[in-house]
PDB file of N, CA and C in Angstrom:
ATOM      1  N   TYR A   1      97.499  97.429  72.495  1.00  0.00           N
ATOM      2  CA  TYR A   1      96.617  96.830  73.489  1.00  0.00           C
ATOM      3  C   TYR A   1      95.423  96.200  72.837  1.00  0.00           C
ATOM      4  N   GLY A   2      95.237  94.992  72.890  1.00  0.00           N
ATOM      5  CA  GLY A   2      93.999  94.355  72.450  1.00  0.00           C
ATOM      6  C   GLY A   2      93.656  94.427  70.985  1.00  0.00           C
ATOM      7  N   LYS A   3      94.521  94.970  70.130  1.00  0.00           N
ATOM      8  CA  LYS A   3      94.201  94.922  68.698  1.00  0.00           C
ATOM      9  C   LYS A   3      94.459  93.499  68.253  1.00  0.00           C
ATOM     10  N   SER A   4      93.513  92.901  67.564  1.00  0.00           N
ATOM     11  CA  SER A   4      93.794  91.553  67.078  1.00  0.00           C
ATOM     12  C   SER A   4      94.114  91.666  65.597  1.00  0.00           C
ATOM     13  N   ASN A   5      95.391  91.599  65.286  1.00  0.00           N
ATOM     14  CA  ASN A   5      95.832  91.728  63.898  1.00  0.00           C
ATOM     15  C   ASN A   5      95.820  90.367  63.228  1.00  0.00           C
ATOM     16  N   THR A   6      95.312  90.330  62.041  1.00  0.00           N
ATOM     17  CA  THR A   6      95.305  89.103  61.260  1.00  0.00           C
ATOM     18  C   THR A   6      95.834  89.468  59.886  1.00  0.00           C
ATOM     19  N   THR A   7      96.667  88.620  59.345  1.00  0.00           N
ATOM     20  CA  THR A   7      97.159  88.886  57.997  1.00  0.00           C
ATOM     21  C   THR A   7      96.200  88.224  57.016  1.00  0.00           C
ATOM     22  N   VAL A   8      95.743  88.993  56.049  1.00  0.00           N
ATOM     23  CA  VAL A   8      94.749  88.491  55.103  1.00  0.00           C
ATOM     24  C   VAL A   8      95.306  88.644  53.695  1.00  0.00           C
ATOM     25  N   LEU A   9      95.086  87.627  52.883  1.00  0.00           N
ATOM     26  CA  LEU A   9      95.481  87.706  51.482  1.00  0.00           C
ATOM     27  C   LEU A   9      94.339  88.385  50.733  1.00  0.00           C
ATOM     28  N   GLY A  10      94.611  89.582  50.213  1.00  0.00           N
ATOM     29  CA  GLY A  10      93.575  90.338  49.516  1.00  0.00           C
ATOM     30  C   GLY A  10      93.255  89.725  48.167  1.00  0.00           C
ATOM     31  N   GLU A  11      92.148  90.186  47.556  1.00  0.00           N
ATOM     32  CA  GLU A  11      91.723  89.658  46.252  1.00  0.00           C
ATOM     33  C   GLU A  11      92.756  89.955  45.180  1.00  0.00           C
ATOM     34  N   ASP A  12      93.503  91.072  45.382  1.00  0.00           N
ATOM     35  CA  ASP A  12      94.512  91.433  44.381  1.00  0.00           C
ATOM     36  C   ASP A  12      95.852  90.729  44.635  1.00  0.00           C
ATOM     37  N   GLY A  13      95.870  89.760  45.584  1.00  0.00           N
ATOM     38  CA  GLY A  13      97.079  88.987  45.830  1.00  0.00           C
ATOM     39  C   GLY A  13      98.068  89.651  46.770  1.00  0.00           C
ATOM     40  N   VAL A  14      97.660  90.738  47.441  1.00  0.00           N
ATOM     41  CA  VAL A  14      98.550  91.437  48.374  1.00  0.00           C
ATOM     42  C   VAL A  14      98.153  91.064  49.800  1.00  0.00           C
ATOM     43  N   THR A  15      99.142  90.732  50.639  1.00  0.00           N
ATOM     44  CA  THR A  15      98.812  90.423  52.043  1.00  0.00           C
ATOM     45  C   THR A  15      98.722  91.722  52.827  1.00  0.00           C
ATOM     46  N   ARG A  16      97.699  91.824  53.653  1.00  0.00           N
ATOM     47  CA  ARG A  16      97.478  93.031  54.462  1.00  0.00           C
ATOM     48  C   ARG A  16      97.220  92.644  55.908  1.00  0.00           C
ATOM     49  N   GLU A  17      97.552  93.587  56.818  1.00  0.00           N
ATOM     50  CA  GLU A  17      97.227  93.393  58.233  1.00  0.00           C
ATOM     51  C   GLU A  17      95.816  93.926  58.443  1.00  0.00           C
ATOM     52  N   VAL A  18      94.967  93.135  59.090  1.00  0.00           N
ATOM     53  CA  VAL A  18      93.578  93.536  59.316  1.00  0.00           C
ATOM     54  C   VAL A  18      93.354  93.611  60.816  1.00  0.00           C
ATOM     55  N   VAL A  19      92.703  94.678  61.269  1.00  0.00           N
ATOM     56  CA  VAL A  19      92.379  94.834  62.687  1.00  0.00           C
ATOM     57  C   VAL A  19      90.887  94.641  62.848  1.00  0.00           C
ATOM     58  N   LYS A  20      90.488  93.756  63.785  1.00  0.00           N
ATOM     59  CA  LYS A  20      89.056  93.525  64.005  1.00  0.00           C
ATOM     60  C   LYS A  20      88.441  94.742  64.684  1.00  0.00           C
ATOM     61  N   LEU A  21      87.272  95.147  64.215  1.00  0.00           N
ATOM     62  CA  LEU A  21      86.545  96.259  64.822  1.00  0.00           C
ATOM     63  C   LEU A  21      85.202  95.745  65.306  1.00  0.00           C
ATOM     64  N   ASP A  22      84.695  96.341  66.394  1.00  0.00           N
ATOM     65  CA  ASP A  22      83.351  95.962  66.838  1.00  0.00           C
ATOM     66  C   ASP A  22      82.325  96.830  66.107  1.00  0.00           C
ATOM     67  N   GLU A  23      81.041  96.720  66.508  1.00  0.00           N
ATOM     68  CA  GLU A  23      79.955  97.395  65.794  1.00  0.00           C
ATOM     69  C   GLU A  23      80.170  98.904  65.718  1.00  0.00           C
ATOM     70  N   ASP A  24      80.767  99.506  66.760  1.00  0.00           N
ATOM     71  CA  ASP A  24      80.920 100.960  66.809  1.00  0.00           C
ATOM     72  C   ASP A  24      82.244 101.412  66.201  1.00  0.00           C
ATOM     73  N   ASP A  25      82.903 100.534  65.416  1.00  0.00           N
ATOM     74  CA  ASP A  25      84.202 100.841  64.808  1.00  0.00           C
ATOM     75  C   ASP A  25      85.280 101.127  65.842  1.00  0.00           C
ATOM     76  N   ASN A  26      85.138 100.557  67.034  1.00  0.00           N
ATOM     77  CA  ASN A  26      86.206 100.648  68.019  1.00  0.00           C
ATOM     78  C   ASN A  26      87.058  99.407  67.874  1.00  0.00           C
ATOM     79  N   VAL A  27      88.345  99.551  68.166  1.00  0.00           N
ATOM     80  CA  VAL A  27      89.209  98.372  68.102  1.00  0.00           C
ATOM     81  C   VAL A  27      88.785  97.440  69.220  1.00  0.00           C
ATOM     82  N   LYS A  28      88.512  96.199  68.852  1.00  0.00           N
ATOM     83  CA  LYS A  28      88.014  95.230  69.830  1.00  0.00           C
ATOM     84  C   LYS A  28      89.131  94.819  70.767  1.00  0.00           C
ATOM     85  N   LYS A  29      88.863  94.800  72.051  1.00  0.00           N
ATOM     86  CA  LYS A  29      89.862  94.327  73.011  1.00  0.00           C
ATOM     87  C   LYS A  29      89.707  92.826  73.170  1.00  0.00           C
ATOM     88  N   GLU A  30      90.826  92.137  73.250  1.00  0.00           N
ATOM     89  CA  GLU A  30      90.771  90.693  73.467  1.00  0.00           C
ATOM     90  C   GLU A  30      90.273  90.446  74.882  1.00  0.00           C
ATOM     91  N   LEU A  31      89.407  89.444  75.048  1.00  0.00           N
ATOM     92  CA  LEU A  31      88.906  89.128  76.387  1.00  0.00           C
ATOM     93  C   LEU A  31      89.913  88.282  77.133  1.00  0.00           C
ATOM     94  N   ASP A  32      89.992  88.479  78.444  1.00  0.00           N
ATOM     95  CA  ASP A  32      90.884  87.654  79.268  1.00  0.00           C
ATOM     96  C   ASP A  32      90.396  86.217  79.213  1.00  0.00           C
ATOM     97  N   GLU A  33      91.348  85.289  79.248  1.00  0.00           N
ATOM     98  CA  GLU A  33      90.990  83.879  79.167  1.00  0.00           C
ATOM     99  C   GLU A  33      90.097  83.475  80.339  1.00  0.00           C
ATOM    100  N   GLU A  34      90.412  83.985  81.535  1.00  0.00           N
ATOM    101  CA  GLU A  34      89.643  83.568  82.714  1.00  0.00           C
ATOM    102  C   GLU A  34      88.317  84.321  82.829  1.00  0.00           C
ATOM    103  N   GLY A  35      88.121  85.344  82.038  1.00  0.00           N
ATOM    104  CA  GLY A  35      86.881  86.114  82.123  1.00  0.00           C
ATOM    105  C   GLY A  35      86.792  86.874  83.442  1.00  0.00           C
ATOM    106  N   ASP A  36      87.888  87.551  83.800  1.00  0.00           N
ATOM    107  CA  ASP A  36      87.951  88.250  85.090  1.00  0.00           C
ATOM    108  C   ASP A  36      86.922  89.371  85.200  1.00  0.00           C
ATOM    109  N   ASP A  37      86.493  89.900  84.047  1.00  0.00           N
ATOM    110  CA  ASP A  37      85.602  91.057  84.092  1.00  0.00           C
ATOM    111  C   ASP A  37      84.208  90.719  84.604  1.00  0.00           C
ATOM    112  N   ASN A  38      83.910  89.434  84.782  1.00  0.00           N
ATOM    113  CA  ASN A  38      82.571  89.066  85.242  1.00  0.00           C
ATOM    114  C   ASN A  38      82.466  89.085  86.755  1.00  0.00           C
ATOM    115  N   ARG A  39      83.508  89.515  87.449  1.00  0.00           N
ATOM    116  CA  ARG A  39      83.440  89.490  88.900  1.00  0.00           C
ATOM    117  C   ARG A  39      82.353  90.445  89.376  1.00  0.00           C
ATOM    118  N   GLU A  40      81.634  90.043  90.418  1.00  0.00           N
ATOM    119  CA  GLU A  40      80.479  90.820  90.902  1.00  0.00           C
ATOM    120  C   GLU A  40      80.826  92.294  91.024  1.00  0.00           C
ATOM    121  N   GLU A  41      80.376  93.128  90.112  1.00  0.00           N
ATOM    122  CA  GLU A  41      80.520  94.585  90.130  1.00  0.00           C
ATOM    123  C   GLU A  41      81.819  95.006  90.814  1.00  0.00           C
ATOM    124  N   TRP A  42      82.893  94.276  90.570  1.00  0.00           N
ATOM    125  CA  TRP A  42      84.204  94.607  91.121  1.00  0.00           C
ATOM    126  C   TRP A  42      84.171  94.890  92.602  1.00  0.00           C
ATOM    127  N   GLU A  43      83.826  93.866  93.381  1.00  0.00           N
ATOM    128  CA  GLU A  43      83.850  94.049  94.833  1.00  0.00           C
ATOM    129  C   GLU A  43      85.295  94.251  95.268  1.00  0.00           C
ATOM    130  N   TYR A  44      85.489  95.052  96.309  1.00  0.00           N
ATOM    131  CA  TYR A  44      86.843  95.346  96.778  1.00  0.00           C
ATOM    132  C   TYR A  44      87.220  94.391  97.890  1.00  0.00           C
ATOM    133  N   ARG A  45      88.343  93.697  97.709  1.00  0.00           N
ATOM    134  CA  ARG A  45      88.861  92.839  98.767  1.00  0.00           C
ATOM    135  C   ARG A  45      90.195  93.407  99.199  1.00  0.00           C
ATOM    136  N   PRO A  46      90.335  93.782 100.477  1.00  0.00           N
ATOM    137  CA  PRO A  46      91.617  94.331 100.915  1.00  0.00           C
ATOM    138  C   PRO A  46      92.719  93.282 100.744  1.00  0.00           C
ATOM    139  N   PRO A  47      93.934  93.706 100.415  1.00  0.00           N
ATOM    140  CA  PRO A  47      95.004  92.738 100.210  1.00  0.00           C
ATOM    141  C   PRO A  47      95.329  91.990 101.501  1.00  0.00           C
ATOM    142  N   PRO A  48      95.699  90.709 101.411  1.00  0.00           N
ATOM    143  CA  PRO A  48      96.030  89.954 102.616  1.00  0.00           C
ATOM    144  C   PRO A  48      97.292  90.519 103.265  1.00  0.00           C
ATOM    145  N   ARG A  49      97.373  90.461 104.574  1.00  0.00           N
ATOM    146  CA  ARG A  49      98.522  91.033 105.284  1.00  0.00           C
ATOM    147  C   ARG A  49      99.227  89.951 106.085  1.00  0.00           C
ATOM    148  N   LYS A  50     100.545  90.101 106.198  1.00  0.00           N
ATOM    149  CA  LYS A  50     101.333  89.203 107.041  1.00  0.00           C
ATOM    150  C   LYS A  50     101.768  89.999 108.251  1.00  0.00           C
ATOM    151  N   VAL A  51     101.558  89.461 109.435  1.00  0.00           N
ATOM    152  CA  VAL A  51     101.987  90.158 110.647  1.00  0.00           C
ATOM    153  C   VAL A  51     103.436  89.777 110.910  1.00  0.00           C
ATOM    154  N   LEU A  52     104.302  90.793 111.026  1.00  0.00           N
ATOM    155  CA  LEU A  52     105.725  90.533 111.210  1.00  0.00           C
ATOM    156  C   LEU A  52     106.167  90.729 112.655  1.00  0.00           C
ATOM    157  N   GLY A  53     105.316  91.315 113.491  1.00  0.00           N
ATOM    158  CA  GLY A  53     105.703  91.570 114.880  1.00  0.00           C
ATOM    159  C   GLY A  53     105.668  93.053 115.161  1.00  0.00           C
ATOM    160  N   PRO A  54     105.861  93.441 116.438  1.00  0.00           N
ATOM    161  CA  PRO A  54     105.769  94.857 116.813  1.00  0.00           C
ATOM    162  C   PRO A  54     106.840  95.696 116.114  1.00  0.00           C
ATOM    163  N   VAL A  55     106.509  96.956 115.840  1.00  0.00           N
ATOM    164  CA  VAL A  55     107.431  97.852 115.154  1.00  0.00           C
ATOM    165  C   VAL A  55     108.568  98.218 116.101  1.00  0.00           C
ATOM    166  N   MET A  56     108.216  98.697 117.289  1.00  0.00           N
ATOM    167  CA  MET A  56     109.210  99.118 118.286  1.00  0.00           C
ATOM    168  C   MET A  56     108.640  98.806 119.652  1.00  0.00           C
ATOM    169  N   PRO A  57     109.512  98.517 120.638  1.00  0.00           N
ATOM    170  CA  PRO A  57     108.962  98.340 121.980  1.00  0.00           C
ATOM    171  C   PRO A  57     108.276  99.637 122.411  1.00  0.00           C
ATOM    172  N   GLY A  58     107.121  99.505 123.049  1.00  0.00           N
ATOM    173  CA  GLY A  58     106.397 100.704 123.471  1.00  0.00           C
ATOM    174  C   GLY A  58     105.360 101.148 122.452  1.00  0.00           C
ATOM    175  N   ARG A  59     105.433 100.625 121.243  1.00  0.00           N
ATOM    176  CA  ARG A  59     104.415 100.955 120.239  1.00  0.00           C
ATOM    177  C   ARG A  59     103.439  99.805 120.156  1.00  0.00           C
ATOM    178  N   GLU A  60     102.140 100.135 120.225  1.00  0.00           N
ATOM    179  CA  GLU A  60     101.132  99.073 120.174  1.00  0.00           C
ATOM    180  C   GLU A  60     100.859  98.658 118.732  1.00  0.00           C
ATOM    181  N   ARG A  61     101.296  99.475 117.767  1.00  0.00           N
ATOM    182  CA  ARG A  61     101.061  99.160 116.360  1.00  0.00           C
ATOM    183  C   ARG A  61     101.888  97.956 115.937  1.00  0.00           C
ATOM    184  N   VAL A  62     101.387  97.210 114.978  1.00  0.00           N
ATOM    185  CA  VAL A  62     102.089  96.031 114.485  1.00  0.00           C
ATOM    186  C   VAL A  62     102.529  96.287 113.052  1.00  0.00           C
ATOM    187  N   LYS A  63     103.772  95.947 112.767  1.00  0.00           N
ATOM    188  CA  LYS A  63     104.300  96.128 111.413  1.00  0.00           C
ATOM    189  C   LYS A  63     103.653  95.086 110.505  1.00  0.00           C
ATOM    190  N   GLU A  64     103.151  95.544 109.361  1.00  0.00           N
ATOM    191  CA  GLU A  64     102.493  94.622 108.441  1.00  0.00           C
ATOM    192  C   GLU A  64     103.189  94.671 107.090  1.00  0.00           C
ATOM    193  N   GLU A  65     103.296  93.523 106.484  1.00  0.00           N
ATOM    194  CA  GLU A  65     103.879  93.465 105.145  1.00  0.00           C
ATOM    195  C   GLU A  65     102.769  93.086 104.176  1.00  0.00           C
ATOM    196  N   LEU A  66     102.609  93.898 103.133  1.00  0.00           N
ATOM    197  CA  LEU A  66     101.586  93.593 102.133  1.00  0.00           C
ATOM    198  C   LEU A  66     102.101  92.502 101.215  1.00  0.00           C
ATOM    199  N   GLU A  67     101.260  91.512 100.964  1.00  0.00           N
ATOM    200  CA  GLU A  67     101.627  90.478  99.997  1.00  0.00           C
ATOM    201  C   GLU A  67     101.428  91.042  98.602  1.00  0.00           C
ATOM    202  N   GLU A  68     101.934  90.340  97.622  1.00  0.00           N
ATOM    203  CA  GLU A  68     101.750  90.755  96.229  1.00  0.00           C
ATOM    204  C   GLU A  68     100.250  90.796  95.941  1.00  0.00           C
ATOM    205  N   GLU A  69      99.760  91.948  95.464  1.00  0.00           N
ATOM    206  CA  GLU A  69      98.326  92.111  95.223  1.00  0.00           C
ATOM    207  C   GLU A  69      97.952  91.543  93.855  1.00  0.00           C
ATOM    208  N   ASP A  70      96.887  90.758  93.833  1.00  0.00           N
ATOM    209  CA  ASP A  70      96.368  90.203  92.587  1.00  0.00           C
ATOM    210  C   ASP A  70      95.947  91.372  91.685  1.00  0.00           C
ATOM    211  N   PRO A  71      96.337  91.378  90.412  1.00  0.00           N
ATOM    212  CA  PRO A  71      95.974  92.501  89.543  1.00  0.00           C
ATOM    213  C   PRO A  71      94.469  92.748  89.469  1.00  0.00           C
ATOM    214  N   ARG A  72      93.680  91.669  89.593  1.00  0.00           N
ATOM    215  CA  ARG A  72      92.217  91.861  89.570  1.00  0.00           C
ATOM    216  C   ARG A  72      91.776  92.625  90.813  1.00  0.00           C
ATOM    217  N   ASP A  73      92.395  92.282  91.961  1.00  0.00           N
ATOM    218  CA  ASP A  73      92.061  92.994  93.196  1.00  0.00           C
ATOM    219  C   ASP A  73      92.520  94.446  93.109  1.00  0.00           C
ATOM    220  N   ALA A  74      93.679  94.659  92.491  1.00  0.00           N
ATOM    221  CA  ALA A  74      94.184  96.024  92.332  1.00  0.00           C
ATOM    222  C   ALA A  74      93.197  96.835  91.497  1.00  0.00           C
ATOM    223  N   LYS A  75      92.699  96.223  90.427  1.00  0.00           N
ATOM    224  CA  LYS A  75      91.736  96.917  89.564  1.00  0.00           C
ATOM    225  C   LYS A  75      90.459  97.203  90.340  1.00  0.00           C
ATOM    226  N   ALA A  76      89.998  96.206  91.107  1.00  0.00           N
ATOM    227  CA  ALA A  76      88.780  96.381  91.897  1.00  0.00           C
ATOM    228  C   ALA A  76      88.981  97.487  92.927  1.00  0.00           C
ATOM    229  N   ARG A  77      90.169  97.502  93.561  1.00  0.00           N
ATOM    230  CA  ARG A  77      90.455  98.515  94.581  1.00  0.00           C
ATOM    231  C   ARG A  77      90.463  99.905  93.948  1.00  0.00           C
ATOM    232  N   ARG A  78      91.162 100.043  92.813  1.00  0.00           N
ATOM    233  CA  ARG A  78      91.202 101.358  92.150  1.00  0.00           C
ATOM    234  C   ARG A  78      89.808 101.813  91.754  1.00  0.00           C
ATOM    235  N   LYS A  79      89.008 100.868  91.245  1.00  0.00           N
ATOM    236  CA  LYS A  79      87.647 101.201  90.824  1.00  0.00           C
ATOM    237  C   LYS A  79      86.818 101.648  92.026  1.00  0.00           C
ATOM    238  N   ALA A  80      86.947 100.916  93.146  1.00  0.00           N
ATOM    239  CA  ALA A  80      86.198 101.257  94.359  1.00  0.00           C
ATOM    240  C   ALA A  80      86.641 102.622  94.887  1.00  0.00           C
ATOM    241  N   GLU A  81      87.966 102.878  94.872  1.00  0.00           N
ATOM    242  CA  GLU A  81      88.476 104.168  95.357  1.00  0.00           C
ATOM    243  C   GLU A  81      87.969 105.312  94.484  1.00  0.00           C
ATOM    244  N   LYS A  82      87.975 105.099  93.183  1.00  0.00           N
ATOM    245  CA  LYS A  82      87.526 106.125  92.247  1.00  0.00           C
ATOM    246  C   LYS A  82      86.048 106.431  92.470  1.00  0.00           C
ATOM    247  N   LYS A  83      85.256 105.361  92.649  1.00  0.00           N
ATOM    248  CA  LYS A  83      83.823 105.498  92.871  1.00  0.00           C
ATOM    249  C   LYS A  83      83.563 106.285  94.156  1.00  0.00           C
ATOM    250  N   LEU A  84      84.318 105.941  95.203  1.00  0.00           N
ATOM    251  CA  LEU A  84      84.159 106.598  96.495  1.00  0.00           C
ATOM    252  C   LEU A  84      84.546 108.074  96.391  1.00  0.00           C
ATOM    253  N   ALA A  85      85.665 108.350  95.721  1.00  0.00           N
ATOM    254  CA  ALA A  85      86.122 109.734  95.563  1.00  0.00           C
ATOM    255  C   ALA A  85      85.066 110.554  94.822  1.00  0.00           C
ATOM    256  N   LYS A  86      84.489 109.954  93.793  1.00  0.00           N
ATOM    257  CA  LYS A  86      83.463 110.624  93.001  1.00  0.00           C
ATOM    258  C   LYS A  86      82.241 110.934  93.865  1.00  0.00           C
ATOM    259  N   LYS A  87      81.846 109.951  94.705  1.00  0.00           N
ATOM    260  CA  LYS A  87      80.683 110.121  95.572  1.00  0.00           C
ATOM    261  C   LYS A  87      80.934 111.236  96.585  1.00  0.00           C
ATOM    262  N   ILE A  88      82.129 111.249  97.188  1.00  0.00           N
ATOM    263  CA  ILE A  88      82.473 112.274  98.179  1.00  0.00           C
ATOM    264  C   ILE A  88      82.417 113.655  97.532  1.00  0.00           C
ATOM    265  N   LYS A  89      83.006 113.770  96.338  1.00  0.00           N
ATOM    266  CA  LYS A  89      83.017 115.039  95.618  1.00  0.00           C
ATOM    267  C   LYS A  89      81.590 115.509  95.326  1.00  0.00           C
ATOM    268  N   LYS A  90      80.751 114.562  94.894  1.00  0.00           N
ATOM    269  CA  LYS A  90      79.357 114.865  94.567  1.00  0.00           C
ATOM    270  C   LYS A  90      78.621 115.356  95.815  1.00  0.00           C
ATOM    271  N   ASP A  91      78.828 114.650  96.942  1.00  0.00           N
ATOM    272  CA  ASP A  91      78.178 115.042  98.194  1.00  0.00           C
ATOM    273  C   ASP A  91      78.627 116.433  98.633  1.00  0.00           C
ATOM    274  N   GLU A  92      79.936 116.717  98.467  1.00  0.00           N
ATOM    275  CA  GLU A  92      80.445 118.047  98.834  1.00  0.00           C
ATOM    276  C   GLU A  92      79.790 119.124  97.976  1.00  0.00           C
ATOM    277  N   ARG A  93      79.685 118.854  96.674  1.00  0.00           N
ATOM    278  CA  ARG A  93      79.055 119.828  95.776  1.00  0.00           C
ATOM    279  C   ARG A  93      77.606 120.075  96.166  1.00  0.00           C
ATOM    280  N   ARG A  94      76.882 118.980  96.491  1.00  0.00           N
ATOM    281  CA  ARG A  94      75.483 119.111  96.914  1.00  0.00           C
ATOM    282  C   ARG A  94      75.369 119.977  98.161  1.00  0.00           C
ATOM    283  N   ALA A  95      76.238 119.711  99.150  1.00  0.00           N
ATOM    284  CA  ALA A  95      76.203 120.458 100.403  1.00  0.00           C
ATOM    285  C   ALA A  95      76.491 121.938 100.143  1.00  0.00           C
ATOM    286  N   GLU A  96      77.480 122.213  99.284  1.00  0.00           N
ATOM    287  CA  GLU A  96      77.839 123.594  98.951  1.00  0.00           C
ATOM    288  C   GLU A  96      76.666 124.298  98.268  1.00  0.00           C
ATOM    289  N   LYS A  97      76.011 123.607  97.351  1.00  0.00           N
ATOM    290  CA  LYS A  97      74.867 124.155  96.628  1.00  0.00           C
ATOM    291  C   LYS A  97      73.743 124.487  97.614  1.00  0.00           C
ATOM    292  N   LYS A  98      73.505 123.561  98.556  1.00  0.00           N
ATOM    293  CA  LYS A  98      72.460 123.748  99.557  1.00  0.00           C
ATOM    294  C   LYS A  98      72.763 124.985 100.419  1.00  0.00           C
ATOM    295  N   ARG A  99      74.057 125.106 100.822  1.00  0.00           N
ATOM    296  CA  ARG A  99      74.459 126.260 101.640  1.00  0.00           C
ATOM    297  C   ARG A  99      74.218 127.564 100.893  1.00  0.00           C
ATOM    298  N   ARG A 100      74.610 127.608  99.611  1.00  0.00           N
ATOM    299  CA  ARG A 100      74.421 128.825  98.817  1.00  0.00           C
ATOM    300  C   ARG A 100      72.946 129.180  98.706  1.00  0.00           C
ATOM    301  N   LYS A 101      72.105 128.160  98.507  1.00  0.00           N
ATOM    302  CA  LYS A 101      70.671 128.381  98.367  1.00  0.00           C
ATOM    303  C   LYS A 101      70.107 128.984  99.654  1.00  0.00           C
ATOM    304  N   GLU A 102      70.546 128.430 100.803  1.00  0.00           N
ATOM    305  CA  GLU A 102      70.076 128.958 102.087  1.00  0.00           C
ATOM    306  C   GLU A 102      70.541 130.393 102.292  1.00  0.00           C
ATOM    307  N   GLN A 103      71.758 130.716 101.845  1.00  0.00           N
ATOM    308  CA  GLN A 103      72.276 132.081 101.964  1.00  0.00           C
ATOM    309  C   GLN A 103      71.418 133.054 101.147  1.00  0.00           C
ATOM    310  N   ARG A 104      71.020 132.632  99.952  1.00  0.00           N
ATOM    311  CA  ARG A 104      70.216 133.496  99.091  1.00  0.00           C
ATOM    312  C   ARG A 104      68.838 133.752  99.684  1.00  0.00           C
ATOM    313  N   GLU A 105      68.283 132.733 100.370  1.00  0.00           N
ATOM    314  CA  GLU A 105      66.932 132.873 100.917  1.00  0.00           C
ATOM    315  C   GLU A 105      66.877 133.831 102.102  1.00  0.00           C
ATOM    316  N   ARG A 106      68.020 134.037 102.749  1.00  0.00           N
ATOM    317  CA  ARG A 106      68.014 134.925 103.926  1.00  0.00           C
ATOM    318  C   ARG A 106      67.979 136.379 103.555  1.00  0.00           C
TER     319      ARG A 106
END
């Protein structure tokens, strides 16, 4: 993934594969040509839906078919879901901590 290998002719006449490293000695990832990573803090856009018609007579719900999701949107969606899950977990922990504190004070 993202290793940029270059073959270099060494001073001793031997060809070697060289991997580019960034300042922190991490293997540098190649940047996407379109620069997708600059999208505004990965805003989440729900995938577009096609309405196919009612599922069954008597059901008010409508059957929907998801179109092929853009990989950038998929990444944004996963990132947004992860962020939300983390926030919910954090809020639950805070509430639990608060409850315990109130129990101790009684």
